[in-house]
Amino acid sequence: MPAGTRPKGNGLAIIFSAPSGAGKTTMVKSLMESPRLSLGFSISATTRPIRGDEVDGAAYYYLSKEAFNKRVENDEFVEWEEVYPGLCYGTLCSEVESMWSRGLTPVFDVDVIGGKTLKAVFGDSALSIFVMPPSLDILEQRLRGRGTENENNVLRRLAKAGKELQEVKNFDVKIINDDLRLAKAETERVVIEFLNK
């Protein structure tokens, strides 16, 4: 996916990417709770149906395929991707611009392709962090331990993870999530260092 549209305004950005099960979302949640940082979580837009008790504008901005495509045509996305046929996810420029206008640094929790695209758009204004599992074996244990995936999904995610791990070289920082406490501390340290440079 080529780089998208750069949001209007100036500001920094923090990008997190990882294979599924590496602990990326846990690390992002921990970082967002840090009182030392002025961060805003970037909510993605998606064409997937709303589930259960989800609220539009909280987990995602839920758009019809037609509305999503219209925004693509109007260059309203920083990045977007059709993950599966008819199922799209993307980052709206308006989301980033809103945070910058409020003095917040947006934090992105995206897949590896999305992370590379965001880095291409923001360049040196973004810190891209790749969260690594200690090994594929441990990643498999974590995925199976969730109890939320059937066998086919576990195998599909592991195959995808093998390819995604080869992309680590395209990110600014690699954090190995072996000891969660240490990984959280290291993440906060590199983010503070980036924001204060």
C-alpha atoms as a PDB file:
ATOM      1  CA  MET A   1       0.000   0.000   0.000  1.00  0.00           C
ATOM      2  CA  PRO A   2       1.574   3.355  -0.993  1.00  0.00           C
ATOM      3  CA  ALA A   3       1.958   6.116   1.559  1.00  0.00           C
ATOM      4  CA  GLY A   4      -1.203   8.091   2.171  1.00  0.00           C
ATOM      5  CA  THR A   5      -1.969  11.740   2.818  1.00  0.00           C
ATOM      6  CA  ARG A   6       0.001  13.660   5.446  1.00  0.00           C
ATOM      7  CA  PRO A   7      -2.311  15.325   7.970  1.00  0.00           C
ATOM      8  CA  LYS A   8      -2.287  19.128   8.148  1.00  0.00           C
ATOM      9  CA  GLY A   9      -0.256  20.614  10.967  1.00  0.00           C
ATOM     10  CA  ASN A  10       2.945  19.667  12.691  1.00  0.00           C
ATOM     11  CA  GLY A  11       3.428  17.163  15.433  1.00  0.00           C
ATOM     12  CA  LEU A  12       5.060  13.924  16.411  1.00  0.00           C
ATOM     13  CA  ALA A  13       3.623  10.412  16.320  1.00  0.00           C
ATOM     14  CA  ILE A  14       4.308   7.038  17.968  1.00  0.00           C
ATOM     15  CA  ILE A  15       3.682   3.882  15.918  1.00  0.00           C
ATOM     16  CA  PHE A  16       3.390   0.385  17.402  1.00  0.00           C
ATOM     17  CA  SER A  17       3.364  -2.729  15.222  1.00  0.00           C
ATOM     18  CA  ALA A  18       3.806  -6.415  15.996  1.00  0.00           C
ATOM     19  CA  PRO A  19       2.659  -9.879  15.059  1.00  0.00           C
ATOM     20  CA  SER A  20      -0.630 -10.875  16.702  1.00  0.00           C
ATOM     21  CA  GLY A  21       0.038 -12.138  20.239  1.00  0.00           C
ATOM     22  CA  ALA A  22       3.325 -10.265  20.796  1.00  0.00           C
ATOM     23  CA  GLY A  23       1.762  -7.988  23.430  1.00  0.00           C
ATOM     24  CA  LYS A  24       1.562  -4.759  21.425  1.00  0.00           C
ATOM     25  CA  THR A  25      -1.876  -3.708  22.681  1.00  0.00           C
ATOM     26  CA  THR A  26      -0.866  -4.355  26.309  1.00  0.00           C
ATOM     27  CA  MET A  27       2.227  -2.169  25.824  1.00  0.00           C
ATOM     28  CA  VAL A  28       0.189   0.616  24.206  1.00  0.00           C
ATOM     29  CA  LYS A  29      -2.392   0.580  27.035  1.00  0.00           C
ATOM     30  CA  SER A  30       0.378   0.821  29.612  1.00  0.00           C
ATOM     31  CA  LEU A  31       2.018   3.720  27.794  1.00  0.00           C
ATOM     32  CA  MET A  32      -1.296   5.576  27.470  1.00  0.00           C
ATOM     33  CA  GLU A  33      -1.672   5.446  31.267  1.00  0.00           C
ATOM     34  CA  SER A  34       1.682   7.180  31.875  1.00  0.00           C
ATOM     35  CA  PRO A  35       1.083  10.510  33.638  1.00  0.00           C
ATOM     36  CA  ARG A  36       4.416  11.778  32.266  1.00  0.00           C
ATOM     37  CA  LEU A  37       3.189  11.823  28.656  1.00  0.00           C
ATOM     38  CA  SER A  38       0.539  13.776  26.696  1.00  0.00           C
ATOM     39  CA  LEU A  39      -0.644  11.037  24.360  1.00  0.00           C
ATOM     40  CA  GLY A  40      -3.830  10.362  22.423  1.00  0.00           C
ATOM     41  CA  PHE A  41      -4.860   6.959  21.098  1.00  0.00           C
ATOM     42  CA  SER A  42      -5.579   7.031  17.371  1.00  0.00           C
ATOM     43  CA  ILE A  43      -8.934   5.355  16.688  1.00  0.00           C
ATOM     44  CA  SER A  44      -9.037   3.609  13.310  1.00  0.00           C
ATOM     45  CA  ALA A  45     -11.908   3.550  10.839  1.00  0.00           C
ATOM     46  CA  THR A  46     -13.185   0.155   9.678  1.00  0.00           C
ATOM     47  CA  THR A  47     -15.812  -1.401   7.441  1.00  0.00           C
ATOM     48  CA  ARG A  48     -16.290  -4.342   9.780  1.00  0.00           C
ATOM     49  CA  PRO A  49     -19.661  -4.598  11.518  1.00  0.00           C
ATOM     50  CA  ILE A  50     -19.996  -3.293  15.052  1.00  0.00           C
ATOM     51  CA  ARG A  51     -19.849  -6.135  17.612  1.00  0.00           C
ATOM     52  CA  GLY A  52     -21.627  -6.663  20.921  1.00  0.00           C
ATOM     53  CA  ASP A  53     -21.506  -3.583  23.121  1.00  0.00           C
ATOM     54  CA  GLU A  54     -18.948  -1.681  21.011  1.00  0.00           C
ATOM     55  CA  VAL A  55     -19.606   2.035  20.585  1.00  0.00           C
ATOM     56  CA  ASP A  56     -18.902   3.962  17.391  1.00  0.00           C
ATOM     57  CA  GLY A  57     -15.983   6.315  18.022  1.00  0.00           C
ATOM     58  CA  ALA A  58     -14.605   4.292  20.962  1.00  0.00           C
ATOM     59  CA  ALA A  59     -13.050   1.095  19.580  1.00  0.00           C
ATOM     60  CA  TYR A  60     -13.385   2.159  15.931  1.00  0.00           C
ATOM     61  CA  TYR A  61     -15.193   4.536  13.629  1.00  0.00           C
ATOM     62  CA  TYR A  62     -17.575   2.188  11.822  1.00  0.00           C
ATOM     63  CA  LEU A  63     -18.115   3.117   8.175  1.00  0.00           C
ATOM     64  CA  SER A  64     -20.024   1.482   5.351  1.00  0.00           C
ATOM     65  CA  LYS A  65     -17.877   0.265   2.450  1.00  0.00           C
ATOM     66  CA  GLU A  66     -19.293   3.118   0.355  1.00  0.00           C
ATOM     67  CA  ALA A  67     -18.459   5.769   2.982  1.00  0.00           C
ATOM     68  CA  PHE A  68     -14.974   4.297   3.432  1.00  0.00           C
ATOM     69  CA  ASN A  69     -14.337   4.313  -0.335  1.00  0.00           C
ATOM     70  CA  LYS A  70     -15.533   7.922  -0.578  1.00  0.00           C
ATOM     71  CA  ARG A  71     -12.985   8.939   2.043  1.00  0.00           C
ATOM     72  CA  VAL A  72     -10.268   7.053   0.140  1.00  0.00           C
ATOM     73  CA  GLU A  73     -11.215   8.975  -3.035  1.00  0.00           C
ATOM     74  CA  ASN A  74     -11.039  12.255  -1.089  1.00  0.00           C
ATOM     75  CA  ASP A  75      -7.511  11.455   0.272  1.00  0.00           C
ATOM     76  CA  GLU A  76      -8.795  11.537   3.866  1.00  0.00           C
ATOM     77  CA  PHE A  77      -6.645   8.623   5.083  1.00  0.00           C
ATOM     78  CA  VAL A  78      -3.078   8.718   6.370  1.00  0.00           C
ATOM     79  CA  GLU A  79      -3.015   4.987   5.618  1.00  0.00           C
ATOM     80  CA  TRP A  80      -5.581   2.332   4.822  1.00  0.00           C
ATOM     81  CA  GLU A  81      -5.595  -1.320   3.908  1.00  0.00           C
ATOM     82  CA  GLU A  82      -8.064  -3.906   2.667  1.00  0.00           C
ATOM     83  CA  VAL A  83      -7.093  -6.681   5.086  1.00  0.00           C
ATOM     84  CA  TYR A  84      -9.556  -9.201   3.632  1.00  0.00           C
ATOM     85  CA  PRO A  85     -11.952  -8.727   0.690  1.00  0.00           C
ATOM     86  CA  GLY A  86     -14.437  -6.046   1.721  1.00  0.00           C
ATOM     87  CA  LEU A  87     -12.837  -5.571   5.164  1.00  0.00           C
ATOM     88  CA  CYS A  88     -10.894  -2.318   5.385  1.00  0.00           C
ATOM     89  CA  TYR A  89      -9.097  -0.480   8.175  1.00  0.00           C
ATOM     90  CA  GLY A  90      -7.526   2.949   8.050  1.00  0.00           C
ATOM     91  CA  THR A  91      -6.276   6.016   9.915  1.00  0.00           C
ATOM     92  CA  LEU A  92      -8.153   9.249   9.202  1.00  0.00           C
ATOM     93  CA  CYS A  93      -6.179  12.482   8.798  1.00  0.00           C
ATOM     94  CA  SER A  94      -8.855  14.242  10.876  1.00  0.00           C
ATOM     95  CA  GLU A  95      -8.066  11.962  13.835  1.00  0.00           C
ATOM     96  CA  VAL A  96      -4.389  12.989  13.825  1.00  0.00           C
ATOM     97  CA  GLU A  97      -5.146  16.675  13.194  1.00  0.00           C
ATOM     98  CA  SER A  98      -7.570  16.726  16.136  1.00  0.00           C
ATOM     99  CA  MET A  99      -4.929  15.362  18.504  1.00  0.00           C
ATOM    100  CA  TRP A 100      -2.204  17.695  17.297  1.00  0.00           C
ATOM    101  CA  SER A 101      -4.545  20.673  17.741  1.00  0.00           C
ATOM    102  CA  ARG A 102      -5.048  19.612  21.393  1.00  0.00           C
ATOM    103  CA  GLY A 103      -1.309  19.260  22.041  1.00  0.00           C
ATOM    104  CA  LEU A 104      -1.389  15.451  22.074  1.00  0.00           C
ATOM    105  CA  THR A 105       0.963  13.018  20.374  1.00  0.00           C
ATOM    106  CA  PRO A 106      -1.034  10.329  18.540  1.00  0.00           C
ATOM    107  CA  VAL A 107      -0.225   6.696  19.301  1.00  0.00           C
ATOM    108  CA  PHE A 108      -0.999   4.124  16.608  1.00  0.00           C
ATOM    109  CA  ASP A 109      -1.643   0.430  17.285  1.00  0.00           C
ATOM    110  CA  VAL A 110      -1.494  -1.005  13.757  1.00  0.00           C
ATOM    111  CA  ASP A 111      -0.397  -4.084  11.853  1.00  0.00           C
ATOM    112  CA  VAL A 112       3.059  -4.232  10.303  1.00  0.00           C
ATOM    113  CA  ILE A 113       1.977  -2.977   6.859  1.00  0.00           C
ATOM    114  CA  GLY A 114       0.132  -0.059   8.459  1.00  0.00           C
ATOM    115  CA  GLY A 115       3.175   0.721  10.607  1.00  0.00           C
ATOM    116  CA  LYS A 116       5.484   0.880   7.598  1.00  0.00           C
ATOM    117  CA  THR A 117       3.024   3.119   5.725  1.00  0.00           C
ATOM    118  CA  LEU A 118       2.636   5.499   8.677  1.00  0.00           C
ATOM    119  CA  LYS A 119       6.419   5.750   9.046  1.00  0.00           C
ATOM    120  CA  ALA A 120       6.715   6.552   5.325  1.00  0.00           C
ATOM    121  CA  VAL A 121       4.145   9.363   5.720  1.00  0.00           C
ATOM    122  CA  PHE A 122       5.536  10.889   8.943  1.00  0.00           C
ATOM    123  CA  GLY A 123       9.242  10.214   8.412  1.00  0.00           C
ATOM    124  CA  ASP A 124      11.441  11.535  11.221  1.00  0.00           C
ATOM    125  CA  SER A 125       8.374  13.013  12.955  1.00  0.00           C
ATOM    126  CA  ALA A 126       7.393   9.476  14.005  1.00  0.00           C
ATOM    127  CA  LEU A 127       8.969   6.846  16.218  1.00  0.00           C
ATOM    128  CA  SER A 128       8.136   3.356  14.935  1.00  0.00           C
ATOM    129  CA  ILE A 129       8.317   0.558  17.507  1.00  0.00           C
ATOM    130  CA  PHE A 130       8.218  -3.137  16.645  1.00  0.00           C
ATOM    131  CA  VAL A 131       7.165  -5.376  19.541  1.00  0.00           C
ATOM    132  CA  MET A 132       8.840  -8.776  19.232  1.00  0.00           C
ATOM    133  CA  PRO A 133       7.856 -12.037  20.901  1.00  0.00           C
ATOM    134  CA  PRO A 134      10.870 -13.845  22.464  1.00  0.00           C
ATOM    135  CA  SER A 135      10.355 -16.638  19.895  1.00  0.00           C
ATOM    136  CA  LEU A 136       7.730 -18.094  17.544  1.00  0.00           C
ATOM    137  CA  ASP A 137       7.250 -20.976  20.008  1.00  0.00           C
ATOM    138  CA  ILE A 138       6.327 -18.553  22.796  1.00  0.00           C
ATOM    139  CA  LEU A 139       4.105 -16.618  20.399  1.00  0.00           C
ATOM    140  CA  GLU A 140       2.283 -19.860  19.589  1.00  0.00           C
ATOM    141  CA  GLN A 141       1.835 -20.571  23.331  1.00  0.00           C
ATOM    142  CA  ARG A 142       0.388 -17.080  23.840  1.00  0.00           C
ATOM    143  CA  LEU A 143      -2.027 -17.396  20.912  1.00  0.00           C
ATOM    144  CA  ARG A 144      -3.223 -20.802  22.097  1.00  0.00           C
ATOM    145  CA  GLY A 145      -3.406 -19.572  25.697  1.00  0.00           C
ATOM    146  CA  ARG A 146      -5.899 -16.874  24.750  1.00  0.00           C
ATOM    147  CA  GLY A 147      -8.457 -19.555  24.006  1.00  0.00           C
ATOM    148  CA  THR A 148     -10.125 -17.265  21.476  1.00  0.00           C
ATOM    149  CA  GLU A 149      -8.706 -18.729  18.267  1.00  0.00           C
ATOM    150  CA  ASN A 150      -9.537 -21.942  16.457  1.00  0.00           C
ATOM    151  CA  GLU A 151      -6.697 -24.099  15.083  1.00  0.00           C
ATOM    152  CA  ASN A 152      -6.891 -22.640  11.571  1.00  0.00           C
ATOM    153  CA  ASN A 153      -6.667 -19.078  12.907  1.00  0.00           C
ATOM    154  CA  VAL A 154      -3.688 -19.936  15.126  1.00  0.00           C
ATOM    155  CA  LEU A 155      -1.839 -21.453  12.167  1.00  0.00           C
ATOM    156  CA  ARG A 156      -2.757 -18.520   9.908  1.00  0.00           C
ATOM    157  CA  ARG A 157      -1.539 -16.002  12.493  1.00  0.00           C
ATOM    158  CA  LEU A 158       1.720 -17.918  13.004  1.00  0.00           C
ATOM    159  CA  ALA A 159       2.393 -18.036   9.262  1.00  0.00           C
ATOM    160  CA  LYS A 160       1.718 -14.292   9.035  1.00  0.00           C
ATOM    161  CA  ALA A 161       3.950 -13.648  12.071  1.00  0.00           C
ATOM    162  CA  GLY A 162       6.881 -15.398  10.391  1.00  0.00           C
ATOM    163  CA  LYS A 163       6.657 -12.936   7.495  1.00  0.00           C
ATOM    164  CA  GLU A 164       6.031  -9.928   9.752  1.00  0.00           C
ATOM    165  CA  LEU A 165       9.122 -10.636  11.865  1.00  0.00           C
ATOM    166  CA  GLN A 166      11.248 -10.125   8.753  1.00  0.00           C
ATOM    167  CA  GLU A 167      10.064  -6.479   8.690  1.00  0.00           C
ATOM    168  CA  VAL A 168      11.633  -5.541  12.031  1.00  0.00           C
ATOM    169  CA  LYS A 169      14.546  -3.931  10.177  1.00  0.00           C
ATOM    170  CA  ASN A 170      12.135  -1.286   8.825  1.00  0.00           C
ATOM    171  CA  PHE A 171      11.292   0.028  12.317  1.00  0.00           C
ATOM    172  CA  ASP A 172      13.223   2.490  14.489  1.00  0.00           C
ATOM    173  CA  VAL A 173      13.152   0.448  17.700  1.00  0.00           C
ATOM    174  CA  LYS A 174      12.750  -3.244  18.510  1.00  0.00           C
ATOM    175  CA  ILE A 175      11.332  -4.149  21.940  1.00  0.00           C
ATOM    176  CA  ILE A 176      11.446  -7.839  22.883  1.00  0.00           C
ATOM    177  CA  ASN A 177       8.452  -8.614  25.083  1.00  0.00           C
ATOM    178  CA  ASP A 178       9.946 -11.393  27.189  1.00  0.00           C
ATOM    179  CA  ASP A 179       9.515  -9.831  30.648  1.00  0.00           C
ATOM    180  CA  LEU A 180       6.436  -7.569  30.395  1.00  0.00           C
ATOM    181  CA  ARG A 181       7.516  -5.247  33.241  1.00  0.00           C
ATOM    182  CA  LEU A 182      10.914  -4.625  31.636  1.00  0.00           C
ATOM    183  CA  ALA A 183       9.399  -4.257  28.154  1.00  0.00           C
ATOM    184  CA  LYS A 184       6.934  -1.622  29.435  1.00  0.00           C
ATOM    185  CA  ALA A 185       9.738   0.310  31.135  1.00  0.00           C
ATOM    186  CA  GLU A 186      11.926   0.182  28.012  1.00  0.00           C
ATOM    187  CA  THR A 187       9.010   1.359  25.869  1.00  0.00           C
ATOM    188  CA  GLU A 188       8.327   4.344  28.108  1.00  0.00           C
ATOM    189  CA  ARG A 189      12.049   5.212  28.151  1.00  0.00           C
ATOM    190  CA  VAL A 190      12.420   5.261  24.340  1.00  0.00           C
ATOM    191  CA  VAL A 191       9.178   7.218  23.874  1.00  0.00           C
ATOM    192  CA  ILE A 192      10.199   9.876  26.427  1.00  0.00           C
ATOM    193  CA  GLU A 193      13.636  10.116  24.785  1.00  0.00           C
ATOM    194  CA  PHE A 194      12.027  10.582  21.342  1.00  0.00           C
ATOM    195  CA  LEU A 195       9.535  13.218  22.524  1.00  0.00           C
ATOM    196  CA  ASN A 196      12.240  15.203  24.317  1.00  0.00           C
ATOM    197  CA  LYS A 197      14.832  15.231  21.542  1.00  0.00           C
END
